[in-house]
Structures are given as C-alpha cells and as structure tokens.
C-alpha cells in the first residue's frame, strides 16, 4: 500500500507544480485552482527576487482538457 503525501497550507499558494515521474502527468495549481490544457511552464525563482512563471496553453476547451 502506497503512503499518501499531503501538503497543507493555511491559504492557497500562488503556484504549486507537481512532477510525479517526469512522464507528462505533471500537475499545476495557480492560486489554489488546478490548471488544465497547459503545454509547458517556465518557473524562475531566487531568494532575492519574486518568483515568476510563464505558461504556454493549448487552445482547447477546458472540458476537453479534463476528460
């Protein structure tokens, strides 16, 4: 039986990126909402600057992406 891994926050983080095994089943959450239909993300972060990210989206309907 696999152990569950839980991250718990008092409020929704601005950005959460989850890579399970690097095989195209990554997840991304922006302000607590799961993002769908994204193709790529570039995240820039350092201790002395704000974290920024750029997302490339697919041009499809949200319902198609979550099916």
Protein backbone atom coordinates (compact mmCIF):
# COMPACT_ATOMS: atom_id res chain seq x y z
CA UNK A 1 0.00 0.00 0.00
CA UNK A 2 1.35 3.40 -1.01
CA UNK A 3 1.67 6.16 1.55
CA UNK A 4 -0.18 9.40 0.90
CA UNK A 5 1.79 12.62 0.69
CA UNK A 6 -0.07 15.72 1.82
CA UNK A 7 0.91 19.39 1.66
CA UNK A 8 -1.26 21.59 3.84
CA UNK A 9 -1.32 25.38 3.79
CA UNK A 10 -3.32 27.98 5.72
CA UNK A 11 -4.14 29.68 2.41
CA UNK A 12 -3.73 28.75 -1.27
CA UNK A 13 -0.17 29.23 -2.55
CA UNK A 14 0.36 31.38 -5.64
CA UNK A 15 1.92 28.46 -7.58
CA UNK A 16 2.33 24.73 -6.99
CA UNK A 17 3.98 22.48 -9.60
CA UNK A 18 3.99 18.71 -9.05
CA UNK A 19 6.11 16.32 -11.12
CA UNK A 20 5.20 12.72 -10.33
CA UNK A 21 7.69 10.89 -12.53
CA UNK A 22 8.57 13.26 -15.38
CA UNK A 23 6.35 11.43 -17.84
CA UNK A 24 3.79 14.05 -18.80
CA UNK A 25 1.45 13.65 -15.84
CA UNK A 26 2.56 16.78 -14.03
CA UNK A 27 0.06 18.95 -12.20
CA UNK A 28 0.00 22.71 -11.75
CA UNK A 29 -2.13 24.81 -9.40
CA UNK A 30 -2.36 28.61 -9.61
CA UNK A 31 -3.91 30.37 -6.60
CA UNK A 32 -5.45 27.06 -5.50
CA UNK A 33 -7.05 26.17 -8.84
CA UNK A 34 -5.84 23.22 -10.93
CA UNK A 35 -4.70 24.35 -14.37
CA UNK A 36 -5.77 22.39 -17.45
CA UNK A 37 -4.66 22.48 -21.09
CA UNK A 38 -1.19 23.79 -20.40
CA UNK A 39 1.71 22.60 -22.51
CA UNK A 40 4.76 23.97 -20.73
CA UNK A 41 5.75 26.11 -17.77
CA UNK A 42 8.94 28.03 -17.03
CA UNK A 43 9.48 28.92 -13.37
CA UNK A 44 12.12 31.42 -12.25
CA UNK A 45 12.83 31.69 -8.54
CA UNK A 46 15.62 33.06 -6.38
CA UNK A 47 15.95 34.17 -2.78
CA UNK A 48 16.36 37.85 -3.60
CA UNK A 49 13.62 38.21 -6.27
CA UNK A 50 9.94 37.43 -6.70
CA UNK A 51 9.12 34.05 -8.21
CA UNK A 52 7.77 34.37 -11.75
CA UNK A 53 6.35 31.83 -14.17
CA UNK A 54 5.36 31.69 -17.82
CA UNK A 55 2.76 29.19 -19.06
CA UNK A 56 2.08 28.02 -22.60
CA UNK A 57 -1.53 26.87 -23.00
CA UNK A 58 -3.19 24.68 -25.60
CA UNK A 59 -6.08 26.28 -27.49
CA UNK A 60 -8.80 23.83 -26.47
CA UNK A 61 -11.91 24.00 -24.31
CA UNK A 62 -11.46 23.37 -20.58
CA UNK A 63 -13.84 20.40 -20.66
CA UNK A 64 -11.75 18.67 -23.36
CA UNK A 65 -8.58 19.04 -21.29
CA UNK A 66 -10.01 17.43 -18.16
CA UNK A 67 -11.53 14.39 -19.92
